[in-house]
Amino acid sequence: MTTNNTKLKEIAREAIDKSLTDLHKLSQDIWNNPELAFKEYFAHERLATFLETLNFTVQRKFKLETAFKACYGKESSPGPHIAVLCEYDALPGIGHACGHNLIAEVGVGAALGIQAAMKADDQPMGTLTVLGTPAEEGMCGKADLIQLGAFEGLDVAMMAHPSQVTLSKPRYVSMTPVNIIYKGKASHASSYPWEGVNALDAAVMCYNNISCLRQQMKPDWRVHGVIKNGGQQANIIPEETELEYYIRTPNDTDMIVLKKKISDCIEAAAMATGCMVDYKFGSKSYSYLLSNQTLATLFEHNAELVGVEFETDEEKRQKFGGSTDMGNVSQILPSIHPKFYIGTSFSQHTKEFAVAAGDPMAQPYTLAVAKALAMTAIDLYTDPSILEKVRRDFEEDIQRKHSA
């Protein structure tokens, strides 16, 4: 006889509570050893070893050198195949200022809660996979994993991200990077400036062109960048300069329009200065996040049961965040990526948020969200009709996307 859904959720919560010290240590170890995208060797091994101690079947270096796959239950067994995702890369110079150590903790915490429920039920519930996904920051690692088939056979993907607010359906936008190199001709800036072709002038003009474009951009478009190389010395006409921009829009259709406008700005600067230009939009773009409504509603209900309070200010609820490669995953299978408050008002990608991500103050919030994800997975495992509704929501979202 199948164990009661409510009882299974209680078992999951208790398992997470019993492991809180180990989960905090796991998070702290990753926080104390920040690693950049595709170089997360310590975190990869620490997480893989931790999951092995829980009797998950672990594949290290799964598709990518610092990715892993940890399974519980036979992949061929009946029932849903649910993936809980972990991230664990850090940022240059400021460590875990996006709190990916807590994302990893939430993922593993949810997984051990789900596993406990699976063990308690006398019928096979389905399959649980923990996917370690490297290089979210700027490298769009999940796009590589999608291309390599890492998400094949999954029914649902879920994860949660630390923030200053708690939202079940945060707004993450499409993002494409563009790298721009202007090439001119060097000359002595005092003796023979007329013989030079100034690549810095081109870079500055490009920067100003894009700045002027902002007046005509839609309110939810974002373009931000830096001049990475402005020349070598003040008395030499710069021969080569480089810029990098991130372009963000709320959907992929707007991205096509904005990329054309940015291209015109780039090329106009080259034409005006006589420079050659080589620019390339990133081959891997971040898609906007399609939060599955049924999954988000379930998560919100379960989170409230464990004391999580959601943001009610409508302006904050509708505010665009950054971009995430979980958006790419959400385009191929039903997904959720809620944000959760960790006790700070500072935003991600700041030194202050990095401190908060390593502070014990973040633990109660993190563990509550791990419980909510586990409980949401249990709803899917124990009620086949919910998964059908999740799939219908996903199909409708994709149809709306293609008809837009």
Foldseek 3Di string as FASTA:
>chain_A
DWDDLVVLLVQLLVQLVVCLVVLLVLLLVLLVPAAAFLGSVVNLVSLQVVLVVVVWDKDACPLHNSKMKTKDDDLPDDAAEEEEEAERHADPPQGNLFLSSLQSSLRVSLVSSLVSSCVPTPDHLHMYMYIYFTHFPPPLRVVSCVVVPVCPSHAEYETETAWAFWDFAAWAWKKKKKKKKWFKAKDFQPPCVVVIQARLQLVVQLVVQVVVCVVVDDPQKDKDKDWPARADDDRMRRGMTMMMMMITHSAPVVVVVVVVSSVVSNVVSCVVRVIDMDMDMDPDMFGIADAQPLLSVQLVVQLVVLPADGDDPVVVRHDYDYTTSVRVVCLPHHYIYIYWYQPDNDGGPDSVSSVSSSDCSRSVRSSSSSSSSSSSVSVSSPDVVSSVSSVVSSVVVNVVSVVD
